[in-house]
Amino acid sequence: RAEGMRLSRVEGFGGIVAGSSGYLRAVFELSPDYE
């Protein structure tokens, strides 16, 4: 989640294993500041 200048995690990030390729996607919930 991005609210103004503050970026934070929203959901659980456990169980991410090093070395993945083409599998992880970053999704950003953007505040109205980013319109």
Full PDB file with SEQRES, HELIX, SHEET, SSBOND, CRYST1, ORIGX, SCALE, CONECT and MASTER records, all heavy atoms in Angstrom:
SEQRES   1 A   35  ARG ALA GLU GLY MET ARG LEU SER ARG VAL GLU GLY PHE          
SEQRES   2 A   35  GLY GLY ILE VAL ALA GLY SER SER GLY TYR LEU ARG ALA          
SEQRES   3 A   35  VAL PHE GLU LEU SER PRO ASP TYR GLU                          
HELIX    1 AA1 PRO A   32  TYR A   34  5                                   3    
SHEET    1 AA1 2 ALA A   2  GLU A   3  0                                        
SHEET    2 AA1 2 ARG A   6  LEU A   7 -1                                        
CRYST1    1.000    1.000    1.000  90.00  90.00  90.00 P 1           1          
ORIGX1      1.000000  0.000000  0.000000        0.00000                         
ORIGX2      0.000000  1.000000  0.000000        0.00000                         
ORIGX3      0.000000  0.000000  1.000000        0.00000                         
SCALE1      1.000000  0.000000  0.000000        0.00000                         
SCALE2      0.000000  1.000000  0.000000        0.00000                         
SCALE3      0.000000  0.000000  1.000000        0.00000                         
ATOM      1  N   ARG A   1       0.852  -1.189   0.000  1.00  0.00           N  
ATOM      2  CA  ARG A   1       0.000   0.000   0.000  1.00  0.00           C  
ATOM      3  C   ARG A   1       0.886   1.237   0.000  1.00  0.00           C  
ATOM      4  O   ARG A   1       1.824   1.339   0.791  1.00  0.00           O  
ATOM      5  CB  ARG A   1      -0.902   0.019   1.234  1.00  0.00           C  
ATOM      6  CG  ARG A   1      -1.791   1.274   1.289  1.00  0.00           C  
ATOM      7  CD  ARG A   1      -2.791   1.225   2.419  1.00  0.00           C  
ATOM      8  NE  ARG A   1      -3.748   0.152   2.128  1.00  0.00           N  
ATOM      9  CZ  ARG A   1      -4.079  -0.803   2.998  1.00  0.00           C  
ATOM     10  NH1 ARG A   1      -3.566  -0.835   4.201  1.00  0.00           N  
ATOM     11  NH2 ARG A   1      -4.951  -1.737   2.667  1.00  0.00           N  
ATOM     12  N   ALA A   2       0.581   2.169  -0.910  1.00  0.00           N  
ATOM     13  CA  ALA A   2       1.289   3.445  -0.967  1.00  0.00           C  
ATOM     14  C   ALA A   2       0.307   4.552  -0.628  1.00  0.00           C  
ATOM     15  O   ALA A   2      -0.682   4.754  -1.338  1.00  0.00           O  
ATOM     16  CB  ALA A   2       1.886   3.676  -2.346  1.00  0.00           C  
ATOM     17  N   GLU A   3       0.595   5.222   0.486  1.00  0.00           N  
ATOM     18  CA  GLU A   3      -0.212   6.366   0.909  1.00  0.00           C  
ATOM     19  C   GLU A   3       0.725   7.548   0.999  1.00  0.00           C  
ATOM     20  O   GLU A   3       1.525   7.638   1.930  1.00  0.00           O  
ATOM     21  CB  GLU A   3      -0.873   6.078   2.255  1.00  0.00           C  
ATOM     22  CG  GLU A   3      -1.881   4.944   2.183  1.00  0.00           C  
ATOM     23  CD  GLU A   3      -2.600   4.715   3.495  1.00  0.00           C  
ATOM     24  OE1 GLU A   3      -2.941   5.703   4.162  1.00  0.00           O  
ATOM     25  OE2 GLU A   3      -2.802   3.548   3.848  1.00  0.00           O  
ATOM     26  N   GLY A   4       0.624   8.430   0.019  1.00  0.00           N  
ATOM     27  CA  GLY A   4       1.568   9.535  -0.048  1.00  0.00           C  
ATOM     28  C   GLY A   4       2.978   8.992  -0.214  1.00  0.00           C  
ATOM     29  O   GLY A   4       3.235   8.214  -1.119  1.00  0.00           O  
ATOM     30  N   MET A   5       3.868   9.357   0.696  1.00  0.00           N  
ATOM     31  CA  MET A   5       5.263   8.933   0.603  1.00  0.00           C  
ATOM     32  C   MET A   5       5.549   7.667   1.413  1.00  0.00           C  
ATOM     33  O   MET A   5       6.686   7.232   1.513  1.00  0.00           O  
ATOM     34  CB  MET A   5       6.173  10.062   1.078  1.00  0.00           C  
ATOM     35  CG  MET A   5       6.012  11.325   0.244  1.00  0.00           C  
ATOM     36  SD  MET A   5       6.933  12.718   0.892  1.00  0.00           S  
ATOM     37  CE  MET A   5       8.537  12.332   0.237  1.00  0.00           C  
ATOM     38  N   ARG A   6       4.523   7.046   1.967  1.00  0.00           N  
ATOM     39  CA  ARG A   6       4.688   5.873   2.829  1.00  0.00           C  
ATOM     40  C   ARG A   6       4.283   4.597   2.102  1.00  0.00           C  
ATOM     41  O   ARG A   6       3.131   4.456   1.662  1.00  0.00           O  
ATOM     42  CB  ARG A   6       3.830   6.048   4.082  1.00  0.00           C  
ATOM     43  CG  ARG A   6       3.866   4.903   5.017  1.00  0.00           C  
ATOM     44  CD  ARG A   6       5.096   4.980   5.892  1.00  0.00           C  
ATOM     45  NE  ARG A   6       5.081   3.851   6.809  1.00  0.00           N  
ATOM     46  CZ  ARG A   6       6.139   3.132   7.069  1.00  0.00           C  
ATOM     47  NH1 ARG A   6       7.290   3.422   6.521  1.00  0.00           N  
ATOM     48  NH2 ARG A   6       6.066   2.125   7.894  1.00  0.00           N  
ATOM     49  N   LEU A   7       5.227   3.660   1.971  1.00  0.00           N  
ATOM     50  CA  LEU A   7       4.963   2.357   1.371  1.00  0.00           C  
ATOM     51  C   LEU A   7       5.017   1.302   2.470  1.00  0.00           C  
ATOM     52  O   LEU A   7       5.918   1.317   3.309  1.00  0.00           O  
ATOM     53  CB  LEU A   7       6.025   2.051   0.300  1.00  0.00           C  
ATOM     54  CG  LEU A   7       5.845   0.751  -0.481  1.00  0.00           C  
ATOM     55  CD1 LEU A   7       4.554   0.780  -1.299  1.00  0.00           C  
ATOM     56  CD2 LEU A   7       7.046   0.515  -1.394  1.00  0.00           C  
ATOM     57  N   SER A   8       4.031   0.377   2.479  1.00  0.00           N  
ATOM     58  CA  SER A   8       3.992  -0.679   3.488  1.00  0.00           C  
ATOM     59  C   SER A   8       3.436  -1.960   2.872  1.00  0.00           C  
ATOM     60  O   SER A   8       2.811  -1.938   1.812  1.00  0.00           O  
ATOM     61  CB  SER A   8       3.134  -0.258   4.681  1.00  0.00           C  
ATOM     62  OG  SER A   8       1.815   0.041   4.263  1.00  0.00           O  
ATOM     63  N   ARG A   9       3.667  -3.072   3.562  1.00  0.00           N  
ATOM     64  CA  ARG A   9       3.116  -4.362   3.138  1.00  0.00           C  
ATOM     65  C   ARG A   9       1.671  -4.452   3.627  1.00  0.00           C  
ATOM     66  O   ARG A   9       1.347  -3.948   4.688  1.00  0.00           O  
ATOM     67  CB  ARG A   9       3.926  -5.504   3.740  1.00  0.00           C  
ATOM     68  CG  ARG A   9       5.299  -5.647   3.150  1.00  0.00           C  
ATOM     69  CD  ARG A   9       5.984  -6.855   3.748  1.00  0.00           C  
ATOM     70  NE  ARG A   9       6.356  -6.558   5.120  1.00  0.00           N  
ATOM     71  CZ  ARG A   9       7.604  -6.507   5.559  1.00  0.00           C  
ATOM     72  NH1 ARG A   9       8.590  -6.751   4.738  1.00  0.00           N  
ATOM     73  NH2 ARG A   9       7.859  -6.223   6.803  1.00  0.00           N  
ATOM     74  N   VAL A  10       0.837  -5.140   2.858  1.00  0.00           N  
ATOM     75  CA  VAL A  10      -0.571  -5.298   3.226  1.00  0.00           C  
ATOM     76  C   VAL A  10      -0.850  -6.715   3.705  1.00  0.00           C  
ATOM     77  O   VAL A  10      -1.469  -6.910   4.731  1.00  0.00           O  
ATOM     78  CB  VAL A  10      -1.497  -4.946   2.039  1.00  0.00           C  
ATOM     79  CG1 VAL A  10      -2.945  -5.277   2.351  1.00  0.00           C  
ATOM     80  CG2 VAL A  10      -1.359  -3.477   1.677  1.00  0.00           C  
ATOM     81  N   GLU A  11      -0.413  -7.704   2.959  1.00  0.00           N  
ATOM     82  CA  GLU A  11      -0.747  -9.086   3.273  1.00  0.00           C  
ATOM     83  C   GLU A  11       0.490  -9.845   3.720  1.00  0.00           C  
ATOM     84  O   GLU A  11       1.614  -9.383   3.559  1.00  0.00           O  
ATOM     85  CB  GLU A  11      -1.350  -9.758   2.044  1.00  0.00           C  
ATOM     86  CG  GLU A  11      -2.664  -9.124   1.631  1.00  0.00           C  
ATOM     87  CD  GLU A  11      -3.283  -9.801   0.430  1.00  0.00           C  
ATOM     88  OE1 GLU A  11      -2.699 -10.758  -0.106  1.00  0.00           O  
ATOM     89  OE2 GLU A  11      -4.350  -9.353   0.026  1.00  0.00           O  
ATOM     90  N   GLY A  12       0.281 -11.046   4.255  1.00  0.00           N  
ATOM     91  CA  GLY A  12       1.378 -11.886   4.726  1.00  0.00           C  
ATOM     92  C   GLY A  12       2.410 -12.163   3.650  1.00  0.00           C  
ATOM     93  O   GLY A  12       2.080 -12.406   2.497  1.00  0.00           O  
ATOM     94  N   PHE A  13       3.646 -12.097   4.047  1.00  0.00           N  
ATOM     95  CA  PHE A  13       4.747 -12.301   3.114  1.00  0.00           C  
ATOM     96  C   PHE A  13       5.559 -13.535   3.470  1.00  0.00           C  
ATOM     97  O   PHE A  13       6.685 -13.690   3.039  1.00  0.00           O  
ATOM     98  CB  PHE A  13       5.654 -11.057   3.102  1.00  0.00           C  
ATOM     99  CG  PHE A  13       5.129  -9.952   2.229  1.00  0.00           C  
ATOM    100  CD1 PHE A  13       3.915  -9.346   2.506  1.00  0.00           C  
ATOM    101  CD2 PHE A  13       5.845  -9.521   1.129  1.00  0.00           C  
ATOM    102  CE1 PHE A  13       3.420  -8.327   1.710  1.00  0.00           C  
ATOM    103  CE2 PHE A  13       5.359  -8.505   0.324  1.00  0.00           C  
ATOM    104  CZ  PHE A  13       4.150  -7.906   0.613  1.00  0.00           C  
ATOM    105  N   GLY A  14       5.027 -14.421   4.275  1.00  0.00           N  
ATOM    106  CA  GLY A  14       5.744 -15.627   4.665  1.00  0.00           C  
ATOM    107  C   GLY A  14       5.823 -16.630   3.522  1.00  0.00           C  
ATOM    108  O   GLY A  14       5.032 -16.611   2.586  1.00  0.00           O  
ATOM    109  N   GLY A  15       6.800 -17.513   3.618  1.00  0.00           N  
ATOM    110  CA  GLY A  15       6.902 -18.606   2.659  1.00  0.00           C  
ATOM    111  C   GLY A  15       7.451 -18.225   1.303  1.00  0.00           C  
ATOM    112  O   GLY A  15       7.316 -18.989   0.348  1.00  0.00           O  
ATOM    113  N   ILE A  16       8.093 -17.080   1.173  1.00  0.00           N  
ATOM    114  CA  ILE A  16       8.712 -16.705  -0.102  1.00  0.00           C  
ATOM    115  C   ILE A  16      10.100 -17.336  -0.119  1.00  0.00           C  
ATOM    116  O   ILE A  16      10.913 -17.103   0.760  1.00  0.00           O  
ATOM    117  CB  ILE A  16       8.815 -15.181  -0.256  1.00  0.00           C  
ATOM    118  CG1 ILE A  16       7.427 -14.546  -0.190  1.00  0.00           C  
ATOM    119  CG2 ILE A  16       9.510 -14.825  -1.561  1.00  0.00           C  
ATOM    120  CD1 ILE A  16       7.451 -13.042  -0.102  1.00  0.00           C  
ATOM    121  N   VAL A  17      10.358 -18.154  -1.126  1.00  0.00           N  
ATOM    122  CA  VAL A  17      11.617 -18.875  -1.222  1.00  0.00           C  
ATOM    123  C   VAL A  17      12.499 -18.215  -2.282  1.00  0.00           C  
ATOM    124  O   VAL A  17      12.038 -17.873  -3.368  1.00  0.00           O  
ATOM    125  CB  VAL A  17      11.372 -20.362  -1.563  1.00  0.00           C  
ATOM    126  CG1 VAL A  17      12.687 -21.119  -1.707  1.00  0.00           C  
ATOM    127  CG2 VAL A  17      10.496 -21.007  -0.496  1.00  0.00           C  
ATOM    128  N   ALA A  18      13.768 -18.036  -1.938  1.00  0.00           N  
ATOM    129  CA  ALA A  18      14.730 -17.394  -2.843  1.00  0.00           C  
ATOM    130  C   ALA A  18      14.846 -18.160  -4.154  1.00  0.00           C  
ATOM    131  O   ALA A  18      14.695 -19.380  -4.192  1.00  0.00           O  
ATOM    132  CB  ALA A  18      16.096 -17.311  -2.171  1.00  0.00           C  
ATOM    133  N   GLY A  19      15.092 -17.428  -5.227  1.00  0.00           N  
ATOM    134  CA  GLY A  19      15.375 -18.036  -6.519  1.00  0.00           C  
ATOM    135  C   GLY A  19      14.195 -18.147  -7.460  1.00  0.00           C  
ATOM    136  O   GLY A  19      14.335 -18.688  -8.555  1.00  0.00           O  
ATOM    137  N   SER A  20      13.030 -17.624  -7.091  1.00  0.00           N  
ATOM    138  CA  SER A  20      11.875 -17.681  -7.989  1.00  0.00           C  
ATOM    139  C   SER A  20      12.111 -16.798  -9.209  1.00  0.00           C  
ATOM    140  O   SER A  20      12.786 -15.776  -9.130  1.00  0.00           O  
ATOM    141  CB  SER A  20      10.612 -17.205  -7.273  1.00  0.00           C  
ATOM    142  OG  SER A  20      10.291 -18.062  -6.214  1.00  0.00           O  
ATOM    143  N   SER A  21      11.545 -17.206 -10.325  1.00  0.00           N  
ATOM    144  CA  SER A  21      11.670 -16.421 -11.552  1.00  0.00           C  
ATOM    145  C   SER A  21      10.329 -16.432 -12.284  1.00  0.00           C  
ATOM    146  O   SER A  21       9.776 -17.505 -12.542  1.00  0.00           O  
ATOM    147  CB  SER A  21      12.757 -17.009 -12.447  1.00  0.00           C  
ATOM    148  OG  SER A  21      12.868 -16.284 -13.638  1.00  0.00           O  
ATOM    149  N   GLY A  22       9.783 -15.245 -12.569  1.00  0.00           N  
ATOM    150  CA  GLY A  22       8.525 -15.153 -13.293  1.00  0.00           C  
ATOM    151  C   GLY A  22       7.301 -15.534 -12.474  1.00  0.00           C  
ATOM    152  O   GLY A  22       6.219 -15.681 -13.036  1.00  0.00           O  
ATOM    153  N   TYR A  23       7.452 -15.693 -11.172  1.00  0.00           N  
ATOM    154  CA  TYR A  23       6.348 -16.155 -10.330  1.00  0.00           C  
ATOM    155  C   TYR A  23       5.771 -15.060  -9.437  1.00  0.00           C  
ATOM    156  O   TYR A  23       4.569 -15.023  -9.199  1.00  0.00           O  
ATOM    157  CB  TYR A  23       6.826 -17.327  -9.467  1.00  0.00           C  
ATOM    158  CG  TYR A  23       5.784 -17.853  -8.522  1.00  0.00           C  
ATOM    159  CD1 TYR A  23       4.628 -18.472  -9.001  1.00  0.00           C  
ATOM    160  CD2 TYR A  23       5.937 -17.738  -7.155  1.00  0.00           C  
ATOM    161  CE1 TYR A  23       3.661 -18.950  -8.130  1.00  0.00           C  
ATOM    162  CE2 TYR A  23       4.977 -18.215  -6.275  1.00  0.00           C  
ATOM    163  CZ  TYR A  23       3.846 -18.817  -6.772  1.00  0.00           C  
ATOM    164  OH  TYR A  23       2.888 -19.281  -5.910  1.00  0.00           O  
ATOM    165  N   LEU A  24       6.608 -14.149  -8.949  1.00  0.00           N  
ATOM    166  CA  LEU A  24       6.148 -13.120  -8.015  1.00  0.00           C  
ATOM    167  C   LEU A  24       5.702 -11.866  -8.757  1.00  0.00           C  
ATOM    168  O   LEU A  24       6.363 -11.410  -9.686  1.00  0.00           O  
ATOM    169  CB  LEU A  24       7.258 -12.763  -7.027  1.00  0.00           C  
ATOM    170  CG  LEU A  24       7.747 -13.887  -6.125  1.00  0.00           C  
ATOM    171  CD1 LEU A  24       8.942 -13.415  -5.301  1.00  0.00           C  
ATOM    172  CD2 LEU A  24       6.634 -14.403  -5.232  1.00  0.00           C  
ATOM    173  N   ARG A  25       4.586 -11.311  -8.295  1.00  0.00           N  
ATOM    174  CA  ARG A  25       4.085 -10.051  -8.856  1.00  0.00           C  
ATOM    175  C   ARG A  25       3.834  -9.091  -7.705  1.00  0.00           C  
ATOM    176  O   ARG A  25       3.246  -9.470  -6.685  1.00  0.00           O  
ATOM    177  CB  ARG A  25       2.795 -10.297  -9.619  1.00  0.00           C  
ATOM    178  CG  ARG A  25       2.253  -9.052 -10.319  1.00  0.00           C  
ATOM    179  CD  ARG A  25       1.108  -9.402 -11.215  1.00  0.00           C  
ATOM    180  NE  ARG A  25      -0.101  -9.586 -10.413  1.00  0.00           N  
ATOM    181  CZ  ARG A  25      -1.307  -9.155 -10.778  1.00  0.00           C  
ATOM    182  NH1 ARG A  25      -1.476  -8.542 -11.925  1.00  0.00           N  
ATOM    183  NH2 ARG A  25      -2.344  -9.356  -9.996  1.00  0.00           N  
ATOM    184  N   ALA A  26       4.293  -7.864  -7.847  1.00  0.00           N  
ATOM    185  CA  ALA A  26       4.048  -6.821  -6.857  1.00  0.00           C  
ATOM    186  C   ALA A  26       2.791  -6.054  -7.257  1.00  0.00           C  
ATOM    187  O   ALA A  26       2.684  -5.578  -8.390  1.00  0.00           O  
ATOM    188  CB  ALA A  26       5.244  -5.882  -6.767  1.00  0.00           C  
ATOM    189  N   VAL A  27       1.857  -5.963  -6.331  1.00  0.00           N  
ATOM    190  CA  VAL A  27       0.600  -5.248  -6.559  1.00  0.00           C  
ATOM    191  C   VAL A  27       0.565  -4.093  -5.562  1.00  0.00           C  
ATOM    192  O   VAL A  27       0.795  -4.294  -4.367  1.00  0.00           O  
ATOM    193  CB  VAL A  27      -0.618  -6.175  -6.351  1.00  0.00           C  
ATOM    194  CG1 VAL A  27      -1.920  -5.397  -6.524  1.00  0.00           C  
ATOM    195  CG2 VAL A  27      -0.552  -7.356  -7.303  1.00  0.00           C  
ATOM    196  N   PHE A  28       0.280  -2.899  -6.049  1.00  0.00           N  
ATOM    197  CA  PHE A  28       0.320  -1.703  -5.213  1.00  0.00           C  
ATOM    198  C   PHE A  28      -1.062  -1.066  -5.140  1.00  0.00           C  
ATOM    199  O   PHE A  28      -1.655  -0.740  -6.169  1.00  0.00           O  
ATOM    200  CB  PHE A  28       1.327  -0.699  -5.774  1.00  0.00           C  
ATOM    201  CG  PHE A  28       2.728  -1.230  -5.804  1.00  0.00           C  
ATOM    202  CD1 PHE A  28       3.200  -1.897  -6.914  1.00  0.00           C  
ATOM    203  CD2 PHE A  28       3.567  -1.094  -4.705  1.00  0.00           C  
ATOM    204  CE1 PHE A  28       4.491  -2.405  -6.946  1.00  0.00           C  
ATOM    205  CE2 PHE A  28       4.855  -1.598  -4.723  1.00  0.00           C  
ATOM    206  CZ  PHE A  28       5.319  -2.253  -5.844  1.00  0.00           C  
ATOM    207  N   GLU A  29      -1.566  -0.913  -3.915  1.00  0.00           N  
ATOM    208  CA  GLU A  29      -2.794  -0.152  -3.675  1.00  0.00           C  
ATOM    209  C   GLU A  29      -2.342   1.296  -3.508  1.00  0.00           C  
ATOM    210  O   GLU A  29      -1.670   1.627  -2.529  1.00  0.00           O  
ATOM    211  CB  GLU A  29      -3.493  -0.663  -2.423  1.00  0.00           C  
ATOM    212  CG  GLU A  29      -3.954  -2.089  -2.524  1.00  0.00           C  
ATOM    213  CD  GLU A  29      -4.536  -2.621  -1.234  1.00  0.00           C  
ATOM    214  OE1 GLU A  29      -4.463  -1.933  -0.183  1.00  0.00           O  
ATOM    215  OE2 GLU A  29      -5.059  -3.753  -1.257  1.00  0.00           O  
ATOM    216  N   LEU A  30      -2.695   2.132  -4.462  1.00  0.00           N  
ATOM    217  CA  LEU A  30      -2.207   3.508  -4.498  1.00  0.00           C  
ATOM    218  C   LEU A  30      -3.252   4.486  -3.990  1.00  0.00           C  
ATOM    219  O   LEU A  30      -4.423   4.423  -4.392  1.00  0.00           O  
ATOM    220  CB  LEU A  30      -1.803   3.881  -5.927  1.00  0.00           C  
ATOM    221  CG  LEU A  30      -0.764   2.976  -6.596  1.00  0.00           C  
ATOM    222  CD1 LEU A  30      -0.609   3.340  -8.071  1.00  0.00           C  
ATOM    223  CD2 LEU A  30       0.565   3.067  -5.872  1.00  0.00           C  
ATOM    224  N   SER A  31      -2.831   5.409  -3.137  1.00  0.00           N  
ATOM    225  CA  SER A  31      -3.731   6.448  -2.636  1.00  0.00           C  
ATOM    226  C   SER A  31      -4.029   7.446  -3.761  1.00  0.00           C  
ATOM    227  O   SER A  31      -3.349   7.456  -4.803  1.00  0.00           O  
ATOM    228  CB  SER A  31      -3.107   7.154  -1.430  1.00  0.00           C  
ATOM    229  OG  SER A  31      -1.987   7.930  -1.824  1.00  0.00           O  
ATOM    230  N   PRO A  32      -5.026   8.306  -3.569  1.00  0.00           N  
ATOM    231  CA  PRO A  32      -5.376   9.297  -4.596  1.00  0.00           C  
ATOM    232  C   PRO A  32      -4.210  10.216  -4.999  1.00  0.00           C  
ATOM    233  O   PRO A  32      -4.238  10.803  -6.080  1.00  0.00           O  
ATOM    234  CB  PRO A  32      -6.503  10.102  -3.948  1.00  0.00           C  
ATOM    235  CG  PRO A  32      -7.141   9.151  -2.994  1.00  0.00           C  
ATOM    236  CD  PRO A  32      -5.995   8.328  -2.455  1.00  0.00           C  
ATOM    237  N   ASP A  33      -3.180  10.323  -4.166  1.00  0.00           N  
ATOM    238  CA  ASP A  33      -2.011  11.136  -4.509  1.00  0.00           C  
ATOM    239  C   ASP A  33      -1.384  10.710  -5.835  1.00  0.00           C  
ATOM    240  O   ASP A  33      -0.721  11.491  -6.495  1.00  0.00           O  
ATOM    241  CB  ASP A  33      -0.930  11.020  -3.424  1.00  0.00           C  
ATOM    242  CG  ASP A  33      -1.435  11.427  -2.065  1.00  0.00           C  
ATOM    243  OD1 ASP A  33      -2.006  12.519  -1.950  1.00  0.00           O  
ATOM    244  OD2 ASP A  33      -1.252  10.643  -1.110  1.00  0.00           O  
ATOM    245  N   TYR A  34      -1.591   9.450  -6.217  1.00  0.00           N  
ATOM    246  CA  TYR A  34      -0.930   8.887  -7.388  1.00  0.00           C  
ATOM    247  C   TYR A  34      -1.746   9.015  -8.677  1.00  0.00           C  
ATOM    248  O   TYR A  34      -1.278   8.610  -9.737  1.00  0.00           O  
ATOM    249  CB  TYR A  34      -0.596   7.420  -7.126  1.00  0.00           C  
ATOM    250  CG  TYR A  34       0.497   7.258  -6.097  1.00  0.00           C  
ATOM    251  CD1 TYR A  34       0.210   7.317  -4.737  1.00  0.00           C  
ATOM    252  CD2 TYR A  34       1.817   7.078  -6.473  1.00  0.00           C  
ATOM    253  CE1 TYR A  34       1.203   7.196  -3.781  1.00  0.00           C  
ATOM    254  CE2 TYR A  34       2.821   6.959  -5.530  1.00  0.00           C  
ATOM    255  CZ  TYR A  34       2.506   7.022  -4.193  1.00  0.00           C  
ATOM    256  OH  TYR A  34       3.505   6.908  -3.249  1.00  0.00           O  
ATOM    257  N   GLU A  35      -2.955   9.575  -8.578  1.00  0.00           N  
ATOM    258  CA  GLU A  35      -3.797   9.714  -9.764  1.00  0.00           C  
ATOM    259  C   GLU A  35      -3.104  10.591 -10.800  1.00  0.00           C  
ATOM    260  O   GLU A  35      -2.579  11.657 -10.481  1.00  0.00           O  
ATOM    261  CB  GLU A  35      -5.158  10.301  -9.392  1.00  0.00           C  
ATOM    262  CG  GLU A  35      -6.035   9.306  -8.669  1.00  0.00           C  
ATOM    263  CD  GLU A  35      -7.398   9.875  -8.336  1.00  0.00           C  
ATOM    264  OE1 GLU A  35      -7.838  10.844  -8.992  1.00  0.00           O  
ATOM    265  OE2 GLU A  35      -8.015   9.346  -7.396  1.00  0.00           O  
TER     266      GLU A  35                                                      
MASTER        0    0    0    1    2    0    0    6  265    1    0    3          
END                                                                             
